[in-house]
Amino acid sequence: MTIDTELEASPANKDKVVITCALTGVLTDPRQHPVPVTPQEMAASAKQAYDQGATVMHVHFRSQEPNKGHLPSWSPEVALEITEAIRRACRGVIINMSTGVFGADISDPVACLNAIKPEMAACNAGTLNYLKTRRSGEWAWPPMVFDNPVEKVKAMVEAMAVTHTLPEFECFDVGIIRSLQMYIDNGWAPQPPHANLVMGVSSGMPADPRLLEIIINYLPQGSPWQSTVIGRGEVWDVHRRTAELGGHLRTGVEDTFYLPNGDKCSGNGELVETLARFAQEAGRSVASVDEARAIFGFSQTD
């Protein structure tokens, strides 16, 4: 494979760009940050992002018990209530459900998949040591292995096939990106696979636009891709380069709380508005919901 580190914006950059909004994170405390939790909050935040150009909503589900909103929920009833509220608020919106769990048991996310039948779902495509240190050098949390062995990834893809859900393969490192082609060769991954390049996790790929220019060369031929960029000020250069290189865009309070000028955002709408501007500055236009559905091969809205 020839690596071109001097990539320029291609003709594809004039195409439509789909914007995803990651509405809320896994464990972020709503008492400290502007993360929506209840179905009403999730729908209102989704509508703000939708009005600014986001047509895909990446959703995590939170506990609805009092003072437990910082904890995840895998209740199918909660998942259905939240997604139905988002769909009512945003005509034709594409739901992209999180499926990430530790361990081999995927029955909880599969139960939610079966309940809501999302158009898309994240599919963590490989294993990562999930690490972070504080300034003191102490661990921010006990070192964890985010375990996604091949049999687990394959089982998740098979579960998504039952609900006609498109897997979005989340890649935290270069080796995981390279594994996508092997999944295709082995006969069970869709071709071309949709790839989500996750950058900025402390023990994964850094949020560096120079690295982005290299790693997209290792994607399977024809793969649509987007970047998920986690951090503060460093995320925005990667978003700009993604727009220039023909990728789709994602932001939201799951990934960052900060605007390019360093101010803390008030919510998802401001973050999506910034990405829409980046797309336009790169010579691309933001896909409408009907255009986004066509790009991903989903049925059109009424």
C-alpha atoms as a PDB file:
ATOM      1  CA  MET A   1       0.000   0.000   0.000  1.00  0.00           C
ATOM      2  CA  THR A   2       1.330   3.444  -0.892  1.00  0.00           C
ATOM      3  CA  ILE A   3       0.993   6.024   1.856  1.00  0.00           C
ATOM      4  CA  ASP A   4       0.508   9.613   0.761  1.00  0.00           C
ATOM      5  CA  THR A   5       1.130  12.012   3.620  1.00  0.00           C
ATOM      6  CA  GLU A   6       0.466  15.028   1.397  1.00  0.00           C
ATOM      7  CA  LEU A   7      -3.221  14.320   0.816  1.00  0.00           C
ATOM      8  CA  GLU A   8      -5.221  17.168  -0.617  1.00  0.00           C
ATOM      9  CA  ALA A   9      -8.940  17.704  -0.703  1.00  0.00           C
ATOM     10  CA  SER A  10     -10.366  15.356  -3.316  1.00  0.00           C
ATOM     11  CA  PRO A  11     -13.351  15.891  -5.631  1.00  0.00           C
ATOM     12  CA  ALA A  12     -15.364  13.848  -3.114  1.00  0.00           C
ATOM     13  CA  ASN A  13     -15.004  16.766  -0.730  1.00  0.00           C
ATOM     14  CA  LYS A  14     -17.669  18.596  -2.728  1.00  0.00           C
ATOM     15  CA  ASP A  15     -20.160  15.896  -1.780  1.00  0.00           C
ATOM     16  CA  LYS A  16     -22.589  16.031   1.087  1.00  0.00           C
ATOM     17  CA  VAL A  17     -21.333  15.545   4.610  1.00  0.00           C
ATOM     18  CA  VAL A  18     -23.435  13.758   7.208  1.00  0.00           C
ATOM     19  CA  ILE A  19     -23.209  15.158  10.734  1.00  0.00           C
ATOM     20  CA  THR A  20     -23.713  12.890  13.743  1.00  0.00           C
ATOM     21  CA  CYS A  21     -24.456  14.264  17.196  1.00  0.00           C
ATOM     22  CA  ALA A  22     -23.305  12.174  20.181  1.00  0.00           C
ATOM     23  CA  LEU A  23     -26.051  13.334  22.497  1.00  0.00           C
ATOM     24  CA  THR A  24     -24.749  12.174  25.854  1.00  0.00           C
ATOM     25  CA  GLY A  25     -21.915  10.076  27.198  1.00  0.00           C
ATOM     26  CA  VAL A  26     -21.655   6.912  29.254  1.00  0.00           C
ATOM     27  CA  LEU A  27     -20.969   8.184  32.766  1.00  0.00           C
ATOM     28  CA  THR A  28     -20.767  11.991  32.575  1.00  0.00           C
ATOM     29  CA  ASP A  29     -22.538  13.511  35.568  1.00  0.00           C
ATOM     30  CA  PRO A  30     -25.477  15.735  34.524  1.00  0.00           C
ATOM     31  CA  ARG A  31     -25.030  17.667  37.754  1.00  0.00           C
ATOM     32  CA  GLN A  32     -21.684  18.914  36.452  1.00  0.00           C
ATOM     33  CA  HIS A  33     -22.068  19.019  32.652  1.00  0.00           C
ATOM     34  CA  PRO A  34     -24.817  19.823  30.118  1.00  0.00           C
ATOM     35  CA  VAL A  35     -25.662  16.200  29.267  1.00  0.00           C
ATOM     36  CA  PRO A  36     -29.292  15.188  28.649  1.00  0.00           C
ATOM     37  CA  VAL A  37     -30.703  12.202  30.528  1.00  0.00           C
ATOM     38  CA  THR A  38     -34.504  11.999  30.432  1.00  0.00           C
ATOM     39  CA  PRO A  39     -36.455  11.280  27.245  1.00  0.00           C
ATOM     40  CA  GLN A  40     -37.635  14.891  27.213  1.00  0.00           C
ATOM     41  CA  GLU A  41     -34.083  16.229  27.629  1.00  0.00           C
ATOM     42  CA  MET A  42     -32.711  13.873  25.000  1.00  0.00           C
ATOM     43  CA  ALA A  43     -35.415  14.889  22.516  1.00  0.00           C
ATOM     44  CA  ALA A  44     -34.904  18.605  23.160  1.00  0.00           C
ATOM     45  CA  SER A  45     -31.121  18.321  22.789  1.00  0.00           C
ATOM     46  CA  ALA A  46     -31.522  16.233  19.638  1.00  0.00           C
ATOM     47  CA  LYS A  47     -33.839  18.859  18.155  1.00  0.00           C
ATOM     48  CA  GLN A  48     -31.275  21.600  18.800  1.00  0.00           C
ATOM     49  CA  ALA A  49     -28.613  19.531  17.031  1.00  0.00           C
ATOM     50  CA  TYR A  50     -31.022  18.565  14.228  1.00  0.00           C
ATOM     51  CA  ASP A  51     -31.887  22.211  13.592  1.00  0.00           C
ATOM     52  CA  GLN A  52     -28.165  22.928  13.130  1.00  0.00           C
ATOM     53  CA  GLY A  53     -27.670  20.098  10.622  1.00  0.00           C
ATOM     54  CA  ALA A  54     -27.203  16.833  12.545  1.00  0.00           C
ATOM     55  CA  THR A  55     -29.206  14.026  10.938  1.00  0.00           C
ATOM     56  CA  VAL A  56     -27.762  11.104  12.929  1.00  0.00           C
ATOM     57  CA  MET A  57     -28.148  10.867  16.711  1.00  0.00           C
ATOM     58  CA  HIS A  58     -25.701   8.600  18.531  1.00  0.00           C
ATOM     59  CA  VAL A  59     -27.473   7.591  21.718  1.00  0.00           C
ATOM     60  CA  HIS A  60     -26.507   6.150  25.071  1.00  0.00           C
ATOM     61  CA  PHE A  61     -29.241   5.412  27.549  1.00  0.00           C
ATOM     62  CA  ARG A  62     -29.100   6.601  31.148  1.00  0.00           C
ATOM     63  CA  SER A  63     -30.794   5.455  34.315  1.00  0.00           C
ATOM     64  CA  GLN A  64     -34.065   7.285  34.887  1.00  0.00           C
ATOM     65  CA  GLU A  65     -34.050   6.743  38.654  1.00  0.00           C
ATOM     66  CA  PRO A  66     -33.713   9.877  40.833  1.00  0.00           C
ATOM     67  CA  ASN A  67     -30.074  10.958  41.274  1.00  0.00           C
ATOM     68  CA  LYS A  68     -28.891   8.056  39.080  1.00  0.00           C
ATOM     69  CA  GLY A  69     -28.721   9.903  35.772  1.00  0.00           C
ATOM     70  CA  HIS A  70     -24.937   9.552  35.616  1.00  0.00           C
ATOM     71  CA  LEU A  71     -25.264   5.767  35.298  1.00  0.00           C
ATOM     72  CA  PRO A  72     -25.981   3.795  32.113  1.00  0.00           C
ATOM     73  CA  SER A  73     -29.168   1.839  31.506  1.00  0.00           C
ATOM     74  CA  TRP A  74     -29.762  -1.181  29.272  1.00  0.00           C
ATOM     75  CA  SER A  75     -33.494  -1.269  29.907  1.00  0.00           C
ATOM     76  CA  PRO A  76     -35.272  -1.856  26.579  1.00  0.00           C
ATOM     77  CA  GLU A  77     -38.198   0.163  27.906  1.00  0.00           C
ATOM     78  CA  VAL A  78     -35.967   3.150  28.644  1.00  0.00           C
ATOM     79  CA  ALA A  79     -34.264   2.783  25.258  1.00  0.00           C
ATOM     80  CA  LEU A  80     -37.595   2.723  23.449  1.00  0.00           C
ATOM     81  CA  GLU A  81     -38.985   5.719  25.330  1.00  0.00           C
ATOM     82  CA  ILE A  82     -35.889   7.797  24.577  1.00  0.00           C
ATOM     83  CA  THR A  83     -35.639   6.905  20.894  1.00  0.00           C
ATOM     84  CA  GLU A  84     -39.358   7.416  20.297  1.00  0.00           C
ATOM     85  CA  ALA A  85     -39.104  10.872  21.864  1.00  0.00           C
ATOM     86  CA  ILE A  86     -36.151  11.735  19.607  1.00  0.00           C
ATOM     87  CA  ARG A  87     -37.933  10.436  16.517  1.00  0.00           C
ATOM     88  CA  ARG A  88     -41.034  12.499  17.315  1.00  0.00           C
ATOM     89  CA  ALA A  89     -38.921  15.632  17.735  1.00  0.00           C
ATOM     90  CA  CYS A  90     -36.791  15.150  14.601  1.00  0.00           C
ATOM     91  CA  ARG A  91     -38.508  14.039  11.391  1.00  0.00           C
ATOM     92  CA  GLY A  92     -36.708  11.165   9.737  1.00  0.00           C
ATOM     93  CA  VAL A  93     -33.743  11.256  12.101  1.00  0.00           C
ATOM     94  CA  ILE A  94     -31.292   8.330  11.935  1.00  0.00           C
ATOM     95  CA  ILE A  95     -30.736   6.606  15.277  1.00  0.00           C
ATOM     96  CA  ASN A  96     -27.226   5.286  15.950  1.00  0.00           C
ATOM     97  CA  MET A  97     -27.245   3.238  19.156  1.00  0.00           C
ATOM     98  CA  SER A  98     -24.265   2.577  21.377  1.00  0.00           C
ATOM     99  CA  THR A  99     -23.603  -1.108  22.087  1.00  0.00           C
ATOM    100  CA  GLY A 100     -20.368  -0.980  24.079  1.00  0.00           C
ATOM    101  CA  VAL A 101     -20.160  -3.348  27.053  1.00  0.00           C
ATOM    102  CA  PHE A 102     -17.321  -4.986  28.945  1.00  0.00           C
ATOM    103  CA  GLY A 103     -17.182  -8.757  28.877  1.00  0.00           C
ATOM    104  CA  ALA A 104     -18.542 -11.411  26.547  1.00  0.00           C
ATOM    105  CA  ASP A 105     -22.238 -11.034  27.437  1.00  0.00           C
ATOM    106  CA  ILE A 106     -23.914  -8.810  24.843  1.00  0.00           C
ATOM    107  CA  SER A 107     -27.489  -9.729  25.762  1.00  0.00           C
ATOM    108  CA  ASP A 108     -28.272  -6.268  27.178  1.00  0.00           C
ATOM    109  CA  PRO A 109     -27.386  -4.238  24.059  1.00  0.00           C
ATOM    110  CA  VAL A 110     -28.994  -6.907  21.869  1.00  0.00           C
ATOM    111  CA  ALA A 111     -32.234  -6.556  23.859  1.00  0.00           C
ATOM    112  CA  CYS A 112     -32.164  -2.809  23.205  1.00  0.00           C
ATOM    113  CA  LEU A 113     -31.397  -3.391  19.517  1.00  0.00           C
ATOM    114  CA  ASN A 114     -34.417  -5.646  19.249  1.00  0.00           C
ATOM    115  CA  ALA A 115     -36.613  -3.106  21.036  1.00  0.00           C
ATOM    116  CA  ILE A 116     -35.760   0.014  19.036  1.00  0.00           C
ATOM    117  CA  LYS A 117     -34.417  -1.390  15.736  1.00  0.00           C
ATOM    118  CA  PRO A 118     -32.039   1.522  15.080  1.00  0.00           C
ATOM    119  CA  GLU A 119     -30.884   2.268  11.558  1.00  0.00           C
ATOM    120  CA  MET A 120     -27.257   2.221  12.756  1.00  0.00           C
ATOM    121  CA  ALA A 121     -25.354   1.036  15.802  1.00  0.00           C
ATOM    122  CA  ALA A 122     -21.803   1.395  17.004  1.00  0.00           C
ATOM    123  CA  CYS A 123     -19.810  -1.818  16.836  1.00  0.00           C
ATOM    124  CA  ASN A 124     -16.539  -1.698  18.741  1.00  0.00           C
ATOM    125  CA  ALA A 125     -14.166  -3.414  16.348  1.00  0.00           C
ATOM    126  CA  GLY A 126     -11.241  -4.399  18.564  1.00  0.00           C
ATOM    127  CA  THR A 127      -9.739  -4.543  22.040  1.00  0.00           C
ATOM    128  CA  LEU A 128      -8.093  -1.579  23.766  1.00  0.00           C
ATOM    129  CA  ASN A 129      -6.309  -1.031  27.079  1.00  0.00           C
ATOM    130  CA  TYR A 130      -8.497   1.804  28.361  1.00  0.00           C
ATOM    131  CA  LEU A 131      -6.141   3.988  30.386  1.00  0.00           C
ATOM    132  CA  LYS A 132      -5.771   7.539  31.637  1.00  0.00           C
ATOM    133  CA  THR A 133      -3.444   9.165  34.154  1.00  0.00           C
ATOM    134  CA  ARG A 134      -3.805  12.316  36.203  1.00  0.00           C
ATOM    135  CA  ARG A 135      -1.140  15.026  36.344  1.00  0.00           C
ATOM    136  CA  SER A 136       0.280  13.280  39.409  1.00  0.00           C
ATOM    137  CA  GLY A 137       0.832  10.137  37.337  1.00  0.00           C
ATOM    138  CA  GLU A 138      -1.819   8.215  39.248  1.00  0.00           C
ATOM    139  CA  TRP A 139      -4.449   6.343  37.290  1.00  0.00           C
ATOM    140  CA  ALA A 140      -7.621   8.346  36.672  1.00  0.00           C
ATOM    141  CA  TRP A 141      -9.445   5.016  37.040  1.00  0.00           C
ATOM    142  CA  PRO A 142      -8.184   1.466  37.557  1.00  0.00           C
ATOM    143  CA  PRO A 143      -6.663   0.206  34.276  1.00  0.00           C
ATOM    144  CA  MET A 144      -9.318  -1.568  32.224  1.00  0.00           C
ATOM    145  CA  VAL A 145      -9.329  -3.759  29.141  1.00  0.00           C
ATOM    146  CA  PHE A 146     -12.140  -2.811  26.783  1.00  0.00           C
ATOM    147  CA  ASP A 147     -12.419  -6.328  25.472  1.00  0.00           C
ATOM    148  CA  ASN A 148     -13.761  -6.798  21.966  1.00  0.00           C
ATOM    149  CA  PRO A 149     -12.379 -10.100  20.688  1.00  0.00           C
ATOM    150  CA  VAL A 150     -13.343 -11.291  17.231  1.00  0.00           C
ATOM    151  CA  GLU A 151     -16.091 -13.626  18.430  1.00  0.00           C
ATOM    152  CA  LYS A 152     -17.769 -10.757  20.297  1.00  0.00           C
ATOM    153  CA  VAL A 153     -17.542  -8.391  17.309  1.00  0.00           C
ATOM    154  CA  LYS A 154     -18.931 -11.088  15.013  1.00  0.00           C
ATOM    155  CA  ALA A 155     -21.812 -11.836  17.398  1.00  0.00           C
ATOM    156  CA  MET A 156     -22.708  -8.143  17.500  1.00  0.00           C
ATOM    157  CA  VAL A 157     -22.669  -7.897  13.697  1.00  0.00           C
ATOM    158  CA  GLU A 158     -24.934 -10.937  13.484  1.00  0.00           C
ATOM    159  CA  ALA A 159     -27.355  -9.439  16.030  1.00  0.00           C
ATOM    160  CA  MET A 160     -27.488  -6.215  14.008  1.00  0.00           C
ATOM    161  CA  ALA A 161     -28.309  -8.164  10.862  1.00  0.00           C
ATOM    162  CA  VAL A 162     -31.483  -9.451  12.538  1.00  0.00           C
ATOM    163  CA  THR A 163     -32.757  -5.890  13.097  1.00  0.00           C
ATOM    164  CA  HIS A 164     -31.458  -4.634   9.718  1.00  0.00           C
ATOM    165  CA  THR A 165     -29.099  -2.310  11.582  1.00  0.00           C
ATOM    166  CA  LEU A 166     -25.981  -0.992   9.858  1.00  0.00           C
ATOM    167  CA  PRO A 167     -22.818  -1.575  11.940  1.00  0.00           C
ATOM    168  CA  GLU A 168     -20.562   1.420  12.393  1.00  0.00           C
ATOM    169  CA  PHE A 169     -17.181  -0.045  13.280  1.00  0.00           C
ATOM    170  CA  GLU A 170     -15.478   1.994  15.995  1.00  0.00           C
ATOM    171  CA  CYS A 171     -11.700   1.888  15.588  1.00  0.00           C
ATOM    172  CA  PHE A 172      -9.563   3.123  18.476  1.00  0.00           C
ATOM    173  CA  ASP A 173      -6.199   2.173  17.032  1.00  0.00           C
ATOM    174  CA  VAL A 174      -4.491   1.503  13.710  1.00  0.00           C
ATOM    175  CA  GLY A 175      -4.471  -2.266  14.176  1.00  0.00           C
ATOM    176  CA  ILE A 176      -8.243  -2.206  14.621  1.00  0.00           C
ATOM    177  CA  ILE A 177      -8.623  -0.281  11.370  1.00  0.00           C
ATOM    178  CA  ARG A 178      -6.546  -2.896   9.586  1.00  0.00           C
ATOM    179  CA  SER A 179      -8.684  -5.680  11.093  1.00  0.00           C
ATOM    180  CA  LEU A 180     -11.748  -4.493   9.163  1.00  0.00           C
ATOM    181  CA  GLN A 181     -10.424  -5.929   5.916  1.00  0.00           C
ATOM    182  CA  MET A 182      -9.784  -9.253   7.625  1.00  0.00           C
ATOM    183  CA  TYR A 183     -13.382  -9.300   8.886  1.00  0.00           C
ATOM    184  CA  ILE A 184     -14.496  -8.833   5.284  1.00  0.00           C
ATOM    185  CA  ASP A 185     -12.111 -11.527   4.031  1.00  0.00           C
ATOM    186  CA  ASN A 186     -13.455 -13.876   6.708  1.00  0.00           C
ATOM    187  CA  GLY A 187     -16.921 -13.453   5.257  1.00  0.00           C
ATOM    188  CA  TRP A 188     -19.047 -11.850   7.966  1.00  0.00           C
ATOM    189  CA  ALA A 189     -18.503  -8.077   7.835  1.00  0.00           C
ATOM    190  CA  PRO A 190     -20.531  -5.943   5.417  1.00  0.00           C
ATOM    191  CA  GLN A 191     -18.603  -4.575   2.470  1.00  0.00           C
ATOM    192  CA  PRO A 192     -17.713  -1.796   2.416  1.00  0.00           C
ATOM    193  CA  PRO A 193     -17.816  -1.348   6.196  1.00  0.00           C
ATOM    194  CA  HIS A 194     -18.680   1.985   7.752  1.00  0.00           C
ATOM    195  CA  ALA A 195     -15.738   3.099   9.897  1.00  0.00           C
ATOM    196  CA  ASN A 196     -15.621   5.465  12.841  1.00  0.00           C
ATOM    197  CA  LEU A 197     -12.061   6.608  13.583  1.00  0.00           C
ATOM    198  CA  VAL A 198     -11.967   7.336  17.315  1.00  0.00           C
ATOM    199  CA  MET A 199      -9.150   9.733  18.176  1.00  0.00           C
ATOM    200  CA  GLY A 200      -8.217  11.342  21.475  1.00  0.00           C
ATOM    201  CA  VAL A 201      -8.644   8.449  23.921  1.00  0.00           C
ATOM    202  CA  SER A 202      -5.459   8.604  26.011  1.00  0.00           C
ATOM    203  CA  SER A 203      -4.423   5.022  25.252  1.00  0.00           C
ATOM    204  CA  GLY A 204      -5.652   5.037  21.657  1.00  0.00           C
ATOM    205  CA  MET A 205      -4.988   7.121  18.557  1.00  0.00           C
ATOM    206  CA  PRO A 206      -4.149  10.751  19.372  1.00  0.00           C
ATOM    207  CA  ALA A 207      -6.251  13.632  18.091  1.00  0.00           C
ATOM    208  CA  ASP A 208      -3.749  14.605  15.411  1.00  0.00           C
ATOM    209  CA  PRO A 209      -4.729  15.658  11.880  1.00  0.00           C
ATOM    210  CA  ARG A 210      -1.366  14.412  10.571  1.00  0.00           C
ATOM    211  CA  LEU A 211      -2.203  10.900  11.729  1.00  0.00           C
ATOM    212  CA  LEU A 212      -5.662  11.161  10.185  1.00  0.00           C
ATOM    213  CA  GLU A 213      -4.098  11.780   6.773  1.00  0.00           C
ATOM    214  CA  ILE A 214      -2.229   8.468   7.067  1.00  0.00           C
ATOM    215  CA  ILE A 215      -4.746   6.131   8.635  1.00  0.00           C
ATOM    216  CA  ILE A 216      -7.521   6.685   6.108  1.00  0.00           C
ATOM    217  CA  ASN A 217      -5.247   4.911   3.605  1.00  0.00           C
ATOM    218  CA  TYR A 218      -5.668   1.708   5.639  1.00  0.00           C
ATOM    219  CA  LEU A 219      -9.454   1.636   5.408  1.00  0.00           C
ATOM    220  CA  PRO A 220     -11.026  -1.044   3.185  1.00  0.00           C
ATOM    221  CA  GLN A 221     -11.633   0.259  -0.305  1.00  0.00           C
ATOM    222  CA  GLY A 222     -14.791   2.340  -0.562  1.00  0.00           C
ATOM    223  CA  SER A 223     -15.428   2.560   3.185  1.00  0.00           C
ATOM    224  CA  PRO A 224     -17.429   5.582   4.285  1.00  0.00           C
ATOM    225  CA  TRP A 225     -15.786   7.005   7.390  1.00  0.00           C
ATOM    226  CA  GLN A 226     -16.094   9.652  10.045  1.00  0.00           C
ATOM    227  CA  SER A 227     -13.900  10.830  12.883  1.00  0.00           C
ATOM    228  CA  THR A 228     -14.895  10.881  16.534  1.00  0.00           C
ATOM    229  CA  VAL A 229     -12.543  13.253  18.302  1.00  0.00           C
ATOM    230  CA  ILE A 230     -12.375  13.390  22.085  1.00  0.00           C
ATOM    231  CA  GLY A 231     -10.770  16.233  24.011  1.00  0.00           C
ATOM    232  CA  ARG A 232     -10.736  20.032  24.160  1.00  0.00           C
ATOM    233  CA  GLY A 233      -9.067  22.481  21.793  1.00  0.00           C
ATOM    234  CA  GLU A 234      -7.145  19.782  19.943  1.00  0.00           C
ATOM    235  CA  VAL A 235     -10.304  18.240  18.496  1.00  0.00           C
ATOM    236  CA  TRP A 236     -11.135  21.048  16.103  1.00  0.00           C
ATOM    237  CA  ASP A 237      -8.135  20.748  13.772  1.00  0.00           C
ATOM    238  CA  VAL A 238      -8.999  17.085  13.273  1.00  0.00           C
ATOM    239  CA  HIS A 239     -12.619  17.967  12.494  1.00  0.00           C
ATOM    240  CA  ARG A 240     -11.466  20.519   9.915  1.00  0.00           C
ATOM    241  CA  ARG A 241      -9.160  18.006   8.264  1.00  0.00           C
ATOM    242  CA  THR A 242     -11.896  15.365   8.254  1.00  0.00           C
ATOM    243  CA  ALA A 243     -14.133  17.742   6.332  1.00  0.00           C
ATOM    244  CA  GLU A 244     -11.325  18.484   3.862  1.00  0.00           C
ATOM    245  CA  LEU A 245     -10.480  14.796   3.329  1.00  0.00           C
ATOM    246  CA  GLY A 246     -14.041  13.718   2.573  1.00  0.00           C
ATOM    247  CA  GLY A 247     -15.057  12.157   5.878  1.00  0.00           C
ATOM    248  CA  HIS A 248     -18.322  12.552   7.715  1.00  0.00           C
ATOM    249  CA  LEU A 249     -18.412  14.555  10.923  1.00  0.00           C
ATOM    250  CA  ARG A 250     -19.411  13.879  14.529  1.00  0.00           C
ATOM    251  CA  THR A 251     -19.501  15.968  17.678  1.00  0.00           C
ATOM    252  CA  GLY A 252     -21.552  16.242  20.855  1.00  0.00           C
ATOM    253  CA  VAL A 253     -21.195  16.483  24.608  1.00  0.00           C
ATOM    254  CA  GLU A 254     -20.129  12.843  24.725  1.00  0.00           C
ATOM    255  CA  ASP A 255     -16.912  13.924  22.974  1.00  0.00           C
ATOM    256  CA  THR A 256     -16.211  17.482  24.142  1.00  0.00           C
ATOM    257  CA  PHE A 257     -17.677  20.310  26.182  1.00  0.00           C
ATOM    258  CA  TYR A 258     -15.594  23.057  24.597  1.00  0.00           C
ATOM    259  CA  LEU A 259     -15.957  25.317  21.574  1.00  0.00           C
ATOM    260  CA  PRO A 260     -12.985  26.301  19.378  1.00  0.00           C
ATOM    261  CA  ASN A 261     -12.511  29.549  21.346  1.00  0.00           C
ATOM    262  CA  GLY A 262     -12.180  27.596  24.594  1.00  0.00           C
ATOM    263  CA  ASP A 263     -15.580  28.516  25.992  1.00  0.00           C
ATOM    264  CA  LYS A 264     -17.686  25.750  27.463  1.00  0.00           C
ATOM    265  CA  CYS A 265     -20.631  24.924  25.241  1.00  0.00           C
ATOM    266  CA  SER A 266     -24.211  25.238  26.429  1.00  0.00           C
ATOM    267  CA  GLY A 267     -25.170  21.971  24.732  1.00  0.00           C
ATOM    268  CA  ASN A 268     -25.132  19.990  21.521  1.00  0.00           C
ATOM    269  CA  GLY A 269     -26.576  22.667  19.243  1.00  0.00           C
ATOM    270  CA  GLU A 270     -23.522  24.924  19.463  1.00  0.00           C
ATOM    271  CA  LEU A 271     -21.142  22.039  18.749  1.00  0.00           C
ATOM    272  CA  VAL A 272     -23.058  20.889  15.666  1.00  0.00           C
ATOM    273  CA  GLU A 273     -23.307  24.464  14.393  1.00  0.00           C
ATOM    274  CA  THR A 274     -19.505  24.634  14.480  1.00  0.00           C
ATOM    275  CA  LEU A 275     -19.115  21.430  12.453  1.00  0.00           C
ATOM    276  CA  ALA A 276     -21.627  22.625   9.878  1.00  0.00           C
ATOM    277  CA  ARG A 277     -19.501  25.732   9.406  1.00  0.00           C
ATOM    278  CA  PHE A 278     -16.352  23.615   9.010  1.00  0.00           C
ATOM    279  CA  ALA A 279     -18.062  21.560   6.307  1.00  0.00           C
ATOM    280  CA  GLN A 280     -19.035  24.679   4.402  1.00  0.00           C
ATOM    281  CA  GLU A 281     -15.529  26.120   4.728  1.00  0.00           C
ATOM    282  CA  ALA A 282     -14.205  22.873   3.184  1.00  0.00           C
ATOM    283  CA  GLY A 283     -16.470  23.379   0.173  1.00  0.00           C
ATOM    284  CA  ARG A 284     -19.015  20.753   1.196  1.00  0.00           C
ATOM    285  CA  SER A 285     -22.674  21.043   2.090  1.00  0.00           C
ATOM    286  CA  VAL A 286     -24.430  19.456   5.035  1.00  0.00           C
ATOM    287  CA  ALA A 287     -26.710  16.561   4.094  1.00  0.00           C
ATOM    288  CA  SER A 288     -30.400  16.923   4.803  1.00  0.00           C
ATOM    289  CA  VAL A 289     -32.088  14.048   6.582  1.00  0.00           C
ATOM    290  CA  ASP A 290     -33.367  12.616   3.279  1.00  0.00           C
ATOM    291  CA  GLU A 291     -29.917  12.981   1.708  1.00  0.00           C
ATOM    292  CA  ALA A 292     -28.295  11.301   4.713  1.00  0.00           C
ATOM    293  CA  ARG A 293     -30.712   8.403   4.501  1.00  0.00           C
ATOM    294  CA  ALA A 294     -29.899   8.002   0.811  1.00  0.00           C
ATOM    295  CA  ILE A 295     -26.145   8.113   1.480  1.00  0.00           C
ATOM    296  CA  PHE A 296     -26.437   5.262   3.994  1.00  0.00           C
ATOM    297  CA  GLY A 297     -28.975   3.299   1.959  1.00  0.00           C
ATOM    298  CA  PHE A 298     -31.915   3.678   4.345  1.00  0.00           C
ATOM    299  CA  SER A 299     -35.538   4.029   3.334  1.00  0.00           C
ATOM    300  CA  GLN A 300     -36.850   7.537   2.861  1.00  0.00           C
ATOM    301  CA  THR A 301     -39.215   9.281   5.237  1.00  0.00           C
ATOM    302  CA  ASP A 302     -42.838   9.916   4.348  1.00  0.00           C
END
